[in-house]
N, C-alpha and C. Protein backbone atom coordinates (compact mmCIF):
# COMPACT_ATOMS: atom_id res chain seq x y z
N MET A 1 4.64 4.07 23.64
CA MET A 1 4.02 3.11 22.74
C MET A 1 4.14 3.57 21.28
N VAL A 2 3.93 4.85 21.05
CA VAL A 2 4.02 5.37 19.69
C VAL A 2 5.43 5.19 19.14
N LEU A 3 6.43 5.50 19.95
CA LEU A 3 7.82 5.38 19.51
C LEU A 3 8.23 3.91 19.35
N ILE A 4 7.74 3.06 20.24
CA ILE A 4 8.08 1.64 20.14
C ILE A 4 7.50 1.03 18.86
N THR A 5 6.23 1.34 18.57
CA THR A 5 5.62 0.80 17.34
C THR A 5 6.31 1.36 16.10
N ALA A 6 6.77 2.61 16.17
CA ALA A 6 7.52 3.18 15.04
C ALA A 6 8.83 2.43 14.84
N ALA A 7 9.51 2.12 15.94
CA ALA A 7 10.79 1.41 15.85
C ALA A 7 10.58 -0.01 15.31
N VAL A 8 9.52 -0.67 15.77
CA VAL A 8 9.23 -2.02 15.28
C VAL A 8 8.93 -2.00 13.78
N ALA A 9 8.09 -1.06 13.36
CA ALA A 9 7.75 -0.97 11.94
C ALA A 9 8.97 -0.67 11.09
N LEU A 10 9.82 0.24 11.57
CA LEU A 10 11.05 0.57 10.83
C LEU A 10 11.97 -0.64 10.75
N GLY A 11 12.04 -1.41 11.83
CA GLY A 11 12.85 -2.62 11.82
C GLY A 11 12.34 -3.64 10.82
N VAL A 12 11.03 -3.83 10.77
CA VAL A 12 10.44 -4.77 9.82
C VAL A 12 10.75 -4.36 8.39
N VAL A 13 10.66 -3.07 8.11
CA VAL A 13 10.92 -2.58 6.75
C VAL A 13 12.40 -2.67 6.40
N SER A 14 13.27 -2.50 7.39
CA SER A 14 14.71 -2.42 7.14
C SER A 14 15.38 -3.78 7.05
N ILE A 15 14.88 -4.76 7.78
CA ILE A 15 15.54 -6.07 7.85
C ILE A 15 14.90 -7.01 6.82
N ASN A 16 15.70 -7.50 5.90
CA ASN A 16 15.19 -8.29 4.77
C ASN A 16 14.39 -9.51 5.21
N ALA A 17 14.83 -10.17 6.26
CA ALA A 17 14.14 -11.39 6.70
C ALA A 17 12.70 -11.10 7.12
N PHE A 18 12.46 -9.92 7.67
CA PHE A 18 11.11 -9.53 8.06
C PHE A 18 10.36 -8.86 6.91
N TRP A 19 11.12 -8.12 6.11
CA TRP A 19 10.50 -7.34 5.04
C TRP A 19 9.86 -8.23 3.99
N ARG A 20 10.49 -9.32 3.64
CA ARG A 20 9.99 -10.16 2.55
C ARG A 20 8.56 -10.63 2.79
N PRO A 21 8.22 -11.24 3.93
CA PRO A 21 6.81 -11.63 4.13
C PRO A 21 5.90 -10.43 4.38
N ALA A 22 6.41 -9.41 5.09
CA ALA A 22 5.56 -8.25 5.40
C ALA A 22 5.24 -7.44 4.16
N ARG A 23 6.09 -7.52 3.15
CA ARG A 23 5.87 -6.75 1.93
C ARG A 23 4.57 -7.14 1.24
N ASN A 24 4.07 -8.33 1.52
CA ASN A 24 2.78 -8.73 0.94
C ASN A 24 1.67 -7.75 1.32
N VAL A 25 1.74 -7.20 2.52
CA VAL A 25 0.73 -6.23 2.95
C VAL A 25 0.80 -4.97 2.10
N ILE A 26 2.02 -4.51 1.83
CA ILE A 26 2.20 -3.33 0.97
C ILE A 26 1.68 -3.61 -0.43
N THR A 27 1.91 -4.82 -0.92
CA THR A 27 1.42 -5.18 -2.26
C THR A 27 -0.10 -5.18 -2.30
N ILE A 28 -0.73 -5.68 -1.24
CA ILE A 28 -2.20 -5.68 -1.19
C ILE A 28 -2.73 -4.25 -1.28
N VAL A 29 -2.14 -3.33 -0.52
CA VAL A 29 -2.60 -1.94 -0.54
C VAL A 29 -2.27 -1.29 -1.88
N HIS A 30 -1.10 -1.60 -2.42
CA HIS A 30 -0.70 -1.09 -3.74
C HIS A 30 -1.73 -1.45 -4.80
N GLU A 31 -2.08 -2.72 -4.87
CA GLU A 31 -3.05 -3.17 -5.88
C GLU A 31 -4.45 -2.65 -5.58
N ALA A 32 -4.79 -2.51 -4.30
CA ALA A 32 -6.07 -1.93 -3.95
C ALA A 32 -6.17 -0.49 -4.42
N GLY A 33 -5.04 0.23 -4.36
CA GLY A 33 -5.01 1.60 -4.87
C GLY A 33 -5.30 1.66 -6.35
N HIS A 34 -4.63 0.78 -7.13
CA HIS A 34 -4.92 0.71 -8.57
C HIS A 34 -6.40 0.41 -8.81
N ALA A 35 -6.91 -0.58 -8.08
CA ALA A 35 -8.29 -1.03 -8.30
C ALA A 35 -9.30 0.06 -7.97
N LEU A 36 -9.11 0.74 -6.84
CA LEU A 36 -10.06 1.77 -6.43
C LEU A 36 -10.10 2.91 -7.44
N ILE A 37 -8.94 3.38 -7.87
CA ILE A 37 -8.91 4.49 -8.82
C ILE A 37 -9.47 4.06 -10.17
N ALA A 38 -9.18 2.81 -10.57
CA ALA A 38 -9.73 2.31 -11.83
C ALA A 38 -11.26 2.38 -11.80
N LEU A 39 -11.85 1.98 -10.70
CA LEU A 39 -13.32 2.05 -10.58
C LEU A 39 -13.81 3.50 -10.56
N LEU A 40 -13.10 4.37 -9.87
CA LEU A 40 -13.54 5.77 -9.74
C LEU A 40 -13.49 6.51 -11.07
N VAL A 41 -12.55 6.13 -11.96
CA VAL A 41 -12.45 6.82 -13.25
C VAL A 41 -13.27 6.12 -14.33
N GLY A 42 -14.03 5.10 -13.95
CA GLY A 42 -14.94 4.47 -14.89
C GLY A 42 -14.39 3.30 -15.66
N ARG A 43 -13.25 2.77 -15.23
CA ARG A 43 -12.72 1.58 -15.88
C ARG A 43 -13.40 0.34 -15.31
N ARG A 44 -13.37 -0.75 -16.07
CA ARG A 44 -13.99 -2.01 -15.62
C ARG A 44 -12.91 -2.87 -15.00
N LEU A 45 -13.05 -3.15 -13.72
CA LEU A 45 -12.05 -3.93 -13.00
C LEU A 45 -12.24 -5.41 -13.31
N MET A 46 -11.16 -6.06 -13.81
CA MET A 46 -11.23 -7.45 -14.22
C MET A 46 -10.71 -8.42 -13.16
N GLY A 47 -9.77 -7.97 -12.34
CA GLY A 47 -9.25 -8.87 -11.32
C GLY A 47 -7.90 -8.41 -10.80
N ILE A 48 -7.49 -9.02 -9.68
CA ILE A 48 -6.22 -8.72 -9.03
C ILE A 48 -5.49 -10.04 -8.80
N ARG A 49 -4.18 -10.02 -9.02
CA ARG A 49 -3.35 -11.19 -8.75
C ARG A 49 -2.22 -10.78 -7.82
N LEU A 50 -2.00 -11.57 -6.78
CA LEU A 50 -0.90 -11.35 -5.85
C LEU A 50 0.03 -12.54 -5.95
N HIS A 51 1.32 -12.30 -6.10
CA HIS A 51 2.28 -13.36 -6.38
C HIS A 51 3.21 -13.62 -5.19
N SER A 52 3.79 -14.80 -5.16
CA SER A 52 4.63 -15.20 -4.04
C SER A 52 5.94 -14.41 -3.97
N ASP A 53 6.33 -13.75 -5.05
CA ASP A 53 7.52 -12.89 -5.00
C ASP A 53 7.19 -11.49 -4.51
N THR A 54 5.99 -11.31 -3.99
CA THR A 54 5.45 -10.05 -3.44
C THR A 54 5.11 -9.02 -4.52
N SER A 55 5.11 -9.44 -5.78
CA SER A 55 4.63 -8.55 -6.83
C SER A 55 3.12 -8.75 -6.97
N GLY A 56 2.50 -7.91 -7.78
CA GLY A 56 1.07 -8.04 -8.02
C GLY A 56 0.69 -7.34 -9.31
N VAL A 57 -0.53 -7.58 -9.75
CA VAL A 57 -1.02 -6.92 -10.97
C VAL A 57 -2.52 -6.74 -10.83
N THR A 58 -2.99 -5.60 -11.29
CA THR A 58 -4.42 -5.30 -11.32
C THR A 58 -4.83 -5.09 -12.76
N LEU A 59 -5.81 -5.84 -13.21
CA LEU A 59 -6.26 -5.78 -14.60
C LEU A 59 -7.58 -5.03 -14.69
N SER A 60 -7.65 -4.08 -15.61
CA SER A 60 -8.89 -3.34 -15.83
C SER A 60 -9.04 -3.04 -17.31
N ARG A 61 -10.27 -2.83 -17.73
CA ARG A 61 -10.57 -2.52 -19.12
C ARG A 61 -11.06 -1.08 -19.23
N GLY A 62 -10.69 -0.46 -20.33
CA GLY A 62 -11.09 0.91 -20.59
C GLY A 62 -10.15 1.52 -21.60
N LYS A 63 -10.19 2.82 -21.74
CA LYS A 63 -9.30 3.50 -22.68
C LYS A 63 -7.86 3.25 -22.29
N PRO A 64 -7.00 2.86 -23.26
CA PRO A 64 -5.61 2.55 -22.93
C PRO A 64 -4.75 3.78 -22.65
N GLU A 65 -5.33 4.97 -22.76
CA GLU A 65 -4.59 6.20 -22.50
C GLU A 65 -5.55 7.25 -21.97
N GLY A 66 -5.02 8.42 -21.64
CA GLY A 66 -5.87 9.49 -21.11
C GLY A 66 -5.73 9.64 -19.61
N PRO A 67 -6.40 10.65 -19.03
CA PRO A 67 -6.27 10.93 -17.60
C PRO A 67 -6.66 9.77 -16.69
N GLY A 68 -7.70 9.02 -17.09
CA GLY A 68 -8.13 7.90 -16.25
C GLY A 68 -7.04 6.85 -16.11
N MET A 69 -6.39 6.53 -17.21
CA MET A 69 -5.33 5.54 -17.18
C MET A 69 -4.12 6.07 -16.42
N VAL A 70 -3.82 7.35 -16.57
CA VAL A 70 -2.70 7.95 -15.84
C VAL A 70 -2.95 7.88 -14.33
N CYS A 71 -4.15 8.25 -13.91
CA CYS A 71 -4.48 8.20 -12.48
C CYS A 71 -4.42 6.78 -11.93
N THR A 72 -4.88 5.82 -12.74
CA THR A 72 -4.85 4.42 -12.31
C THR A 72 -3.42 3.94 -12.12
N ALA A 73 -2.54 4.26 -13.07
CA ALA A 73 -1.14 3.84 -12.96
C ALA A 73 -0.42 4.55 -11.83
N LEU A 74 -0.81 5.79 -11.57
CA LEU A 74 -0.15 6.59 -10.52
C LEU A 74 -0.49 6.10 -9.12
N ALA A 75 -1.65 5.48 -8.94
CA ALA A 75 -2.18 5.23 -7.61
C ALA A 75 -1.40 4.21 -6.80
N GLY A 76 -0.78 3.22 -7.44
CA GLY A 76 -0.23 2.09 -6.71
C GLY A 76 0.84 2.44 -5.69
N TYR A 77 1.89 3.11 -6.15
CA TYR A 77 3.03 3.36 -5.26
C TYR A 77 2.75 4.41 -4.19
N ILE A 78 1.71 5.20 -4.36
CA ILE A 78 1.41 6.20 -3.34
C ILE A 78 0.30 5.74 -2.39
N ALA A 79 -0.38 4.66 -2.73
CA ALA A 79 -1.51 4.20 -1.92
C ALA A 79 -1.12 3.83 -0.49
N PRO A 80 -0.04 3.05 -0.25
CA PRO A 80 0.28 2.69 1.15
C PRO A 80 0.55 3.91 2.02
N SER A 81 1.33 4.86 1.51
CA SER A 81 1.67 6.03 2.32
C SER A 81 0.46 6.93 2.56
N LEU A 82 -0.38 7.10 1.55
CA LEU A 82 -1.58 7.91 1.74
C LEU A 82 -2.52 7.26 2.74
N LEU A 83 -2.64 5.94 2.67
CA LEU A 83 -3.49 5.24 3.65
C LEU A 83 -2.89 5.35 5.04
N GLY A 84 -1.56 5.22 5.13
CA GLY A 84 -0.90 5.38 6.42
C GLY A 84 -1.11 6.77 7.00
N MET A 85 -1.07 7.79 6.14
CA MET A 85 -1.33 9.16 6.60
C MET A 85 -2.78 9.31 7.08
N ALA A 86 -3.72 8.71 6.36
CA ALA A 86 -5.12 8.76 6.79
C ALA A 86 -5.30 8.07 8.13
N PHE A 87 -4.62 6.93 8.32
CA PHE A 87 -4.70 6.22 9.59
C PHE A 87 -4.09 7.07 10.71
N ALA A 88 -3.01 7.78 10.42
CA ALA A 88 -2.39 8.64 11.43
C ALA A 88 -3.38 9.71 11.89
N ALA A 89 -4.11 10.29 10.94
CA ALA A 89 -5.10 11.31 11.31
C ALA A 89 -6.20 10.71 12.18
N LEU A 90 -6.64 9.50 11.85
CA LEU A 90 -7.68 8.84 12.64
C LEU A 90 -7.18 8.49 14.04
N LEU A 91 -5.94 8.01 14.12
CA LEU A 91 -5.38 7.65 15.42
C LEU A 91 -5.19 8.89 16.29
N ALA A 92 -4.85 10.02 15.67
CA ALA A 92 -4.72 11.26 16.44
C ALA A 92 -6.05 11.66 17.05
N GLY A 93 -7.15 11.22 16.43
CA GLY A 93 -8.48 11.47 16.97
C GLY A 93 -9.04 10.32 17.77
N ASP A 94 -8.17 9.38 18.18
CA ASP A 94 -8.56 8.23 19.00
C ASP A 94 -9.62 7.37 18.32
N LYS A 95 -9.49 7.17 17.03
CA LYS A 95 -10.46 6.38 16.27
C LYS A 95 -9.80 5.09 15.74
N VAL A 96 -9.23 4.32 16.65
CA VAL A 96 -8.56 3.09 16.25
C VAL A 96 -9.55 2.09 15.67
N SER A 97 -10.79 2.09 16.16
CA SER A 97 -11.79 1.15 15.64
C SER A 97 -12.08 1.42 14.17
N VAL A 98 -12.06 2.69 13.78
CA VAL A 98 -12.27 3.03 12.37
C VAL A 98 -11.11 2.52 11.52
N VAL A 99 -9.89 2.63 12.05
CA VAL A 99 -8.72 2.12 11.33
C VAL A 99 -8.87 0.62 11.09
N LEU A 100 -9.26 -0.12 12.11
CA LEU A 100 -9.41 -1.57 11.97
C LEU A 100 -10.54 -1.93 11.01
N MET A 101 -11.63 -1.16 11.03
CA MET A 101 -12.74 -1.42 10.11
C MET A 101 -12.33 -1.15 8.66
N ILE A 102 -11.56 -0.09 8.43
CA ILE A 102 -11.09 0.20 7.08
C ILE A 102 -10.17 -0.92 6.59
N CYS A 103 -9.31 -1.41 7.47
CA CYS A 103 -8.44 -2.53 7.10
C CYS A 103 -9.27 -3.75 6.70
N GLY A 104 -10.31 -4.04 7.48
CA GLY A 104 -11.17 -5.17 7.15
C GLY A 104 -11.88 -4.99 5.83
N ALA A 105 -12.40 -3.79 5.58
CA ALA A 105 -13.08 -3.52 4.31
C ALA A 105 -12.14 -3.63 3.13
N LEU A 106 -10.90 -3.15 3.31
CA LEU A 106 -9.91 -3.23 2.23
C LEU A 106 -9.60 -4.69 1.89
N LEU A 107 -9.35 -5.49 2.93
CA LEU A 107 -9.04 -6.90 2.70
C LEU A 107 -10.21 -7.62 2.02
N PHE A 108 -11.43 -7.34 2.45
CA PHE A 108 -12.59 -7.99 1.86
C PHE A 108 -12.78 -7.57 0.41
N GLY A 109 -12.58 -6.27 0.14
CA GLY A 109 -12.74 -5.79 -1.23
C GLY A 109 -11.74 -6.42 -2.18
N VAL A 110 -10.49 -6.54 -1.74
CA VAL A 110 -9.47 -7.17 -2.60
C VAL A 110 -9.74 -8.66 -2.74
N LEU A 111 -10.20 -9.31 -1.66
CA LEU A 111 -10.49 -10.74 -1.71
C LEU A 111 -11.55 -11.04 -2.77
N ILE A 112 -12.55 -10.19 -2.90
CA ILE A 112 -13.58 -10.39 -3.91
C ILE A 112 -13.01 -10.41 -5.32
N MET A 113 -11.97 -9.60 -5.55
CA MET A 113 -11.43 -9.43 -6.89
C MET A 113 -10.18 -10.25 -7.17
N VAL A 114 -9.61 -10.90 -6.15
CA VAL A 114 -8.38 -11.65 -6.38
C VAL A 114 -8.66 -12.88 -7.22
N ARG A 115 -7.70 -13.22 -8.07
CA ARG A 115 -7.92 -14.28 -9.06
C ARG A 115 -6.85 -15.36 -9.03
N ASN A 116 -6.14 -15.51 -7.92
CA ASN A 116 -5.19 -16.62 -7.83
C ASN A 116 -5.10 -17.11 -6.39
N LEU A 117 -4.64 -18.35 -6.21
CA LEU A 117 -4.67 -19.01 -4.91
C LEU A 117 -3.76 -18.31 -3.91
N TYR A 118 -2.56 -17.94 -4.34
CA TYR A 118 -1.66 -17.29 -3.40
C TYR A 118 -2.27 -15.99 -2.87
N GLY A 119 -2.93 -15.27 -3.75
CA GLY A 119 -3.60 -14.05 -3.31
C GLY A 119 -4.66 -14.32 -2.27
N VAL A 120 -5.45 -15.36 -2.48
CA VAL A 120 -6.48 -15.72 -1.51
C VAL A 120 -5.85 -16.07 -0.17
N VAL A 121 -4.78 -16.87 -0.19
CA VAL A 121 -4.12 -17.27 1.06
C VAL A 121 -3.57 -16.05 1.79
N SER A 122 -2.93 -15.14 1.07
CA SER A 122 -2.37 -13.93 1.69
C SER A 122 -3.45 -13.10 2.35
N LEU A 123 -4.56 -12.93 1.66
CA LEU A 123 -5.64 -12.10 2.19
C LEU A 123 -6.33 -12.76 3.39
N VAL A 124 -6.55 -14.06 3.30
CA VAL A 124 -7.18 -14.77 4.42
C VAL A 124 -6.28 -14.74 5.65
N ALA A 125 -4.98 -14.94 5.46
CA ALA A 125 -4.05 -14.89 6.60
C ALA A 125 -4.05 -13.52 7.25
N SER A 126 -4.03 -12.48 6.42
CA SER A 126 -4.07 -11.11 6.95
C SER A 126 -5.38 -10.85 7.67
N GLY A 127 -6.46 -11.37 7.10
CA GLY A 127 -7.77 -11.18 7.71
C GLY A 127 -7.89 -11.88 9.05
N ILE A 128 -7.30 -13.05 9.18
CA ILE A 128 -7.34 -13.77 10.46
C ILE A 128 -6.63 -12.98 11.55
N VAL A 129 -5.46 -12.45 11.22
CA VAL A 129 -4.72 -11.64 12.20
C VAL A 129 -5.55 -10.43 12.61
N LEU A 130 -6.13 -9.76 11.63
CA LEU A 130 -6.95 -8.58 11.92
C LEU A 130 -8.16 -8.95 12.78
N PHE A 131 -8.80 -10.06 12.47
CA PHE A 131 -9.97 -10.50 13.24
C PHE A 131 -9.60 -10.80 14.68
N LEU A 132 -8.51 -11.51 14.89
CA LEU A 132 -8.11 -11.88 16.25
C LEU A 132 -7.81 -10.64 17.09
N VAL A 133 -7.12 -9.67 16.48
CA VAL A 133 -6.81 -8.45 17.22
C VAL A 133 -8.08 -7.65 17.50
N SER A 134 -8.95 -7.55 16.50
CA SER A 134 -10.15 -6.71 16.63
C SER A 134 -11.14 -7.26 17.64
N TRP A 135 -11.25 -8.61 17.74
CA TRP A 135 -12.28 -9.20 18.57
C TRP A 135 -11.78 -9.68 19.94
N TYR A 136 -10.51 -10.03 20.04
CA TYR A 136 -10.05 -10.67 21.27
C TYR A 136 -8.96 -9.89 22.02
N ALA A 137 -8.29 -8.99 21.36
CA ALA A 137 -7.20 -8.28 22.03
C ALA A 137 -7.74 -7.15 22.91
N PRO A 138 -7.07 -6.86 24.02
CA PRO A 138 -7.47 -5.72 24.86
C PRO A 138 -7.35 -4.40 24.09
N ASP A 139 -8.00 -3.39 24.62
CA ASP A 139 -8.01 -2.10 23.94
C ASP A 139 -6.61 -1.56 23.70
N GLN A 140 -5.74 -1.68 24.68
CA GLN A 140 -4.38 -1.15 24.52
C GLN A 140 -3.63 -1.86 23.41
N VAL A 141 -3.85 -3.16 23.26
CA VAL A 141 -3.21 -3.90 22.18
C VAL A 141 -3.76 -3.45 20.83
N GLN A 142 -5.07 -3.21 20.77
CA GLN A 142 -5.66 -2.73 19.52
C GLN A 142 -5.09 -1.38 19.12
N VAL A 143 -4.92 -0.50 20.09
CA VAL A 143 -4.34 0.81 19.80
C VAL A 143 -2.91 0.65 19.29
N ALA A 144 -2.11 -0.17 19.96
CA ALA A 144 -0.74 -0.40 19.52
C ALA A 144 -0.71 -1.00 18.13
N PHE A 145 -1.63 -1.92 17.85
CA PHE A 145 -1.71 -2.54 16.53
C PHE A 145 -2.05 -1.50 15.47
N GLY A 146 -2.97 -0.59 15.79
CA GLY A 146 -3.32 0.47 14.86
C GLY A 146 -2.13 1.36 14.54
N TYR A 147 -1.37 1.73 15.57
CA TYR A 147 -0.17 2.54 15.34
C TYR A 147 0.86 1.77 14.51
N LEU A 148 1.00 0.48 14.79
CA LEU A 148 1.96 -0.33 14.05
C LEU A 148 1.58 -0.39 12.57
N ILE A 149 0.29 -0.55 12.29
CA ILE A 149 -0.16 -0.56 10.90
C ILE A 149 0.16 0.77 10.22
N ALA A 150 -0.15 1.88 10.88
CA ALA A 150 0.10 3.19 10.29
C ALA A 150 1.57 3.41 10.01
N TRP A 151 2.42 3.12 10.99
CA TRP A 151 3.86 3.30 10.78
C TRP A 151 4.37 2.38 9.68
N PHE A 152 3.89 1.13 9.66
CA PHE A 152 4.38 0.19 8.65
C PHE A 152 4.00 0.66 7.24
N LEU A 153 2.79 1.16 7.07
CA LEU A 153 2.39 1.66 5.75
C LEU A 153 3.23 2.87 5.35
N LEU A 154 3.53 3.74 6.31
CA LEU A 154 4.31 4.94 6.00
C LEU A 154 5.75 4.60 5.64
N PHE A 155 6.39 3.75 6.43
CA PHE A 155 7.76 3.36 6.12
C PHE A 155 7.81 2.37 4.95
N GLY A 156 6.85 1.44 4.96
CA GLY A 156 6.84 0.41 3.91
C GLY A 156 6.48 0.94 2.55
N GLY A 157 5.82 2.10 2.49
CA GLY A 157 5.52 2.69 1.19
C GLY A 157 6.74 3.23 0.49
N LEU A 158 7.80 3.54 1.25
CA LEU A 158 9.00 4.14 0.67
C LEU A 158 9.97 3.11 0.10
N ARG A 159 10.16 2.00 0.76
CA ARG A 159 11.17 1.05 0.30
C ARG A 159 10.90 0.52 -1.11
N PRO A 160 9.66 0.19 -1.50
CA PRO A 160 9.44 -0.29 -2.86
C PRO A 160 9.83 0.72 -3.94
N ILE A 161 9.79 2.01 -3.61
CA ILE A 161 10.19 3.01 -4.60
C ILE A 161 11.69 2.91 -4.86
N ALA A 162 12.49 2.75 -3.80
CA ALA A 162 13.92 2.56 -3.97
C ALA A 162 14.20 1.26 -4.73
N GLU A 163 13.45 0.21 -4.42
CA GLU A 163 13.63 -1.06 -5.13
C GLU A 163 13.26 -0.91 -6.60
N LEU A 164 12.21 -0.15 -6.88
CA LEU A 164 11.79 0.08 -8.26
C LEU A 164 12.88 0.77 -9.05
N GLN A 165 13.45 1.84 -8.51
CA GLN A 165 14.48 2.56 -9.25
C GLN A 165 15.72 1.71 -9.44
N SER A 166 16.04 0.88 -8.46
CA SER A 166 17.19 -0.03 -8.59
C SER A 166 16.96 -1.01 -9.76
N LYS A 167 15.75 -1.56 -9.86
CA LYS A 167 15.44 -2.46 -10.97
C LYS A 167 15.45 -1.72 -12.30
N ARG A 168 14.98 -0.48 -12.32
CA ARG A 168 14.95 0.29 -13.55
C ARG A 168 16.36 0.56 -14.05
N ARG A 169 17.30 0.82 -13.14
CA ARG A 169 18.69 1.05 -13.55
C ARG A 169 19.28 -0.18 -14.20
N ARG A 170 18.83 -1.37 -13.77
CA ARG A 170 19.34 -2.62 -14.34
C ARG A 170 18.51 -3.08 -15.53
N GLY A 171 17.53 -2.31 -15.93
CA GLY A 171 16.69 -2.66 -17.08
C GLY A 171 15.75 -3.80 -16.83
N ARG A 172 15.33 -3.98 -15.57
CA ARG A 172 14.48 -5.12 -15.20
C ARG A 172 13.06 -4.71 -14.85
N ALA A 173 12.66 -3.48 -15.19
CA ALA A 173 11.32 -3.02 -14.82
C ALA A 173 10.70 -2.20 -15.94
N ARG A 174 10.78 -2.71 -17.16
CA ARG A 174 10.31 -1.94 -18.31
C ARG A 174 8.79 -1.77 -18.32
N ASP A 175 8.08 -2.61 -17.59
CA ASP A 175 6.62 -2.50 -17.53
C ASP A 175 6.15 -1.99 -16.16
N SER A 176 7.03 -1.34 -15.43
CA SER A 176 6.67 -0.82 -14.12
C SER A 176 5.67 0.32 -14.26
N ASP A 177 5.05 0.69 -13.13
CA ASP A 177 4.10 1.81 -13.15
C ASP A 177 4.76 3.08 -13.66
N ALA A 178 6.02 3.32 -13.25
CA ALA A 178 6.72 4.53 -13.69
C ALA A 178 6.93 4.53 -15.20
N ASP A 179 7.26 3.38 -15.75
CA ASP A 179 7.50 3.31 -17.19
C ASP A 179 6.19 3.36 -17.97
N GLN A 180 5.13 2.81 -17.41
CA GLN A 180 3.82 2.96 -18.06
C GLN A 180 3.41 4.43 -18.07
N LEU A 181 3.65 5.13 -16.97
CA LEU A 181 3.34 6.56 -16.92
C LEU A 181 4.19 7.35 -17.90
N ALA A 182 5.44 6.92 -18.07
CA ALA A 182 6.31 7.60 -19.04
C ALA A 182 5.74 7.46 -20.45
N ARG A 183 5.26 6.27 -20.79
CA ARG A 183 4.69 6.07 -22.13
C ARG A 183 3.37 6.83 -22.29
N LEU A 184 2.61 6.94 -21.21
CA LEU A 184 1.32 7.62 -21.28
C LEU A 184 1.44 9.14 -21.36
N THR A 185 2.48 9.68 -20.72
CA THR A 185 2.57 11.14 -20.57
C THR A 185 3.74 11.78 -21.32
N GLY A 186 4.75 11.00 -21.64
CA GLY A 186 5.94 11.56 -22.26
C GLY A 186 6.99 12.01 -21.26
N ALA A 187 6.62 12.16 -19.99
CA ALA A 187 7.60 12.48 -18.94
C ALA A 187 8.42 11.24 -18.63
N PRO A 188 9.72 11.38 -18.38
CA PRO A 188 10.56 10.19 -18.16
C PRO A 188 10.16 9.41 -16.92
N GLY A 189 10.48 8.13 -16.93
CA GLY A 189 10.14 7.28 -15.81
C GLY A 189 10.74 7.76 -14.50
N PHE A 190 11.97 8.30 -14.57
CA PHE A 190 12.62 8.77 -13.35
C PHE A 190 11.81 9.91 -12.71
N PHE A 191 11.17 10.73 -13.55
CA PHE A 191 10.32 11.80 -13.02
C PHE A 191 9.20 11.21 -12.17
N TRP A 192 8.58 10.15 -12.66
CA TRP A 192 7.46 9.56 -11.93
C TRP A 192 7.92 8.85 -10.67
N VAL A 193 9.12 8.27 -10.70
CA VAL A 193 9.68 7.71 -9.46
C VAL A 193 9.84 8.82 -8.43
N GLY A 194 10.30 10.00 -8.89
CA GLY A 194 10.42 11.14 -8.00
C GLY A 194 9.09 11.60 -7.45
N VAL A 195 8.04 11.55 -8.29
CA VAL A 195 6.70 11.91 -7.81
C VAL A 195 6.25 10.95 -6.72
N PHE A 196 6.44 9.65 -6.96
CA PHE A 196 6.10 8.66 -5.92
C PHE A 196 6.80 9.00 -4.60
N ALA A 197 8.12 9.27 -4.70
CA ALA A 197 8.92 9.51 -3.50
C ALA A 197 8.47 10.77 -2.78
N LEU A 198 8.19 11.84 -3.52
CA LEU A 198 7.77 13.09 -2.90
C LEU A 198 6.43 12.94 -2.17
N VAL A 199 5.48 12.26 -2.82
CA VAL A 199 4.18 12.04 -2.18
C VAL A 199 4.34 11.22 -0.91
N ASP A 200 5.14 10.16 -0.98
CA ASP A 200 5.29 9.29 0.18
C ASP A 200 6.06 9.97 1.31
N LEU A 201 7.09 10.74 0.97
CA LEU A 201 7.83 11.47 2.00
C LEU A 201 6.96 12.55 2.64
N GLY A 202 6.18 13.24 1.82
CA GLY A 202 5.27 14.24 2.35
C GLY A 202 4.24 13.63 3.29
N SER A 203 3.73 12.46 2.92
CA SER A 203 2.78 11.76 3.78
C SER A 203 3.41 11.39 5.11
N LEU A 204 4.67 10.94 5.06
CA LEU A 204 5.37 10.56 6.29
C LEU A 204 5.57 11.76 7.21
N VAL A 205 5.95 12.89 6.63
CA VAL A 205 6.19 14.09 7.43
C VAL A 205 4.90 14.54 8.11
N LEU A 206 3.81 14.61 7.35
CA LEU A 206 2.54 15.03 7.93
C LEU A 206 2.07 14.04 9.00
N ALA A 207 2.20 12.75 8.70
CA ALA A 207 1.76 11.73 9.66
C ALA A 207 2.57 11.78 10.94
N CYS A 208 3.87 12.04 10.83
CA CYS A 208 4.70 12.12 12.03
C CYS A 208 4.20 13.24 12.95
N GLY A 209 3.78 14.36 12.37
CA GLY A 209 3.25 15.44 13.18
C GLY A 209 2.04 15.00 13.97
N TRP A 210 1.15 14.24 13.33
CA TRP A 210 -0.07 13.77 14.01
C TRP A 210 0.24 12.69 15.02
N LEU A 211 1.09 11.73 14.65
CA LEU A 211 1.32 10.59 15.51
C LEU A 211 2.18 10.94 16.74
N LEU A 212 3.15 11.84 16.56
CA LEU A 212 4.07 12.14 17.65
C LEU A 212 3.58 13.27 18.55
N LEU A 213 2.73 14.15 18.00
CA LEU A 213 2.25 15.25 18.83
C LEU A 213 0.93 14.91 19.52
């Protein structure tokens, strides 16, 4: 079951026809990462927007520079993989119910802050799927669903980084998180893309140890 869910998740991430709609889930977690860190560093969260092209934006008020802003900008691209790693640790301890509850809390938290119709529809659709699995599916299906979520976050956290660097090479991502971090810190955008990739790859390696062993 663990290997099958890994293969399914990898297939969803690899095949464009499946990746395009599924990427909305990665965007939700990405923006949730920005929002959570913004709140933790004392910024005022203004709202979240999720778009039909699977992009998103999180708006917050506070100092336009400094460690708080750096942490907020850094959080997005590493949030899916870190959450996937946390889910892997929980699943290794047979705590699938906790994984499903965290998913529900995340969706509800983003729903409160979302500020556009497409975002509401995406979150409600995701919530319905989660509700049906949590309340009506047999235990074995819930466990498989938990593993599928963890694998999808781990694999799905990596592909947007490759897409980001591809857009940056073509000059189409001047306001990306990596470029914002470059302006905030002086380190080049490519350095921050590398940081995203290292964190996400490290999360995948650690999670594989927990999920496969």
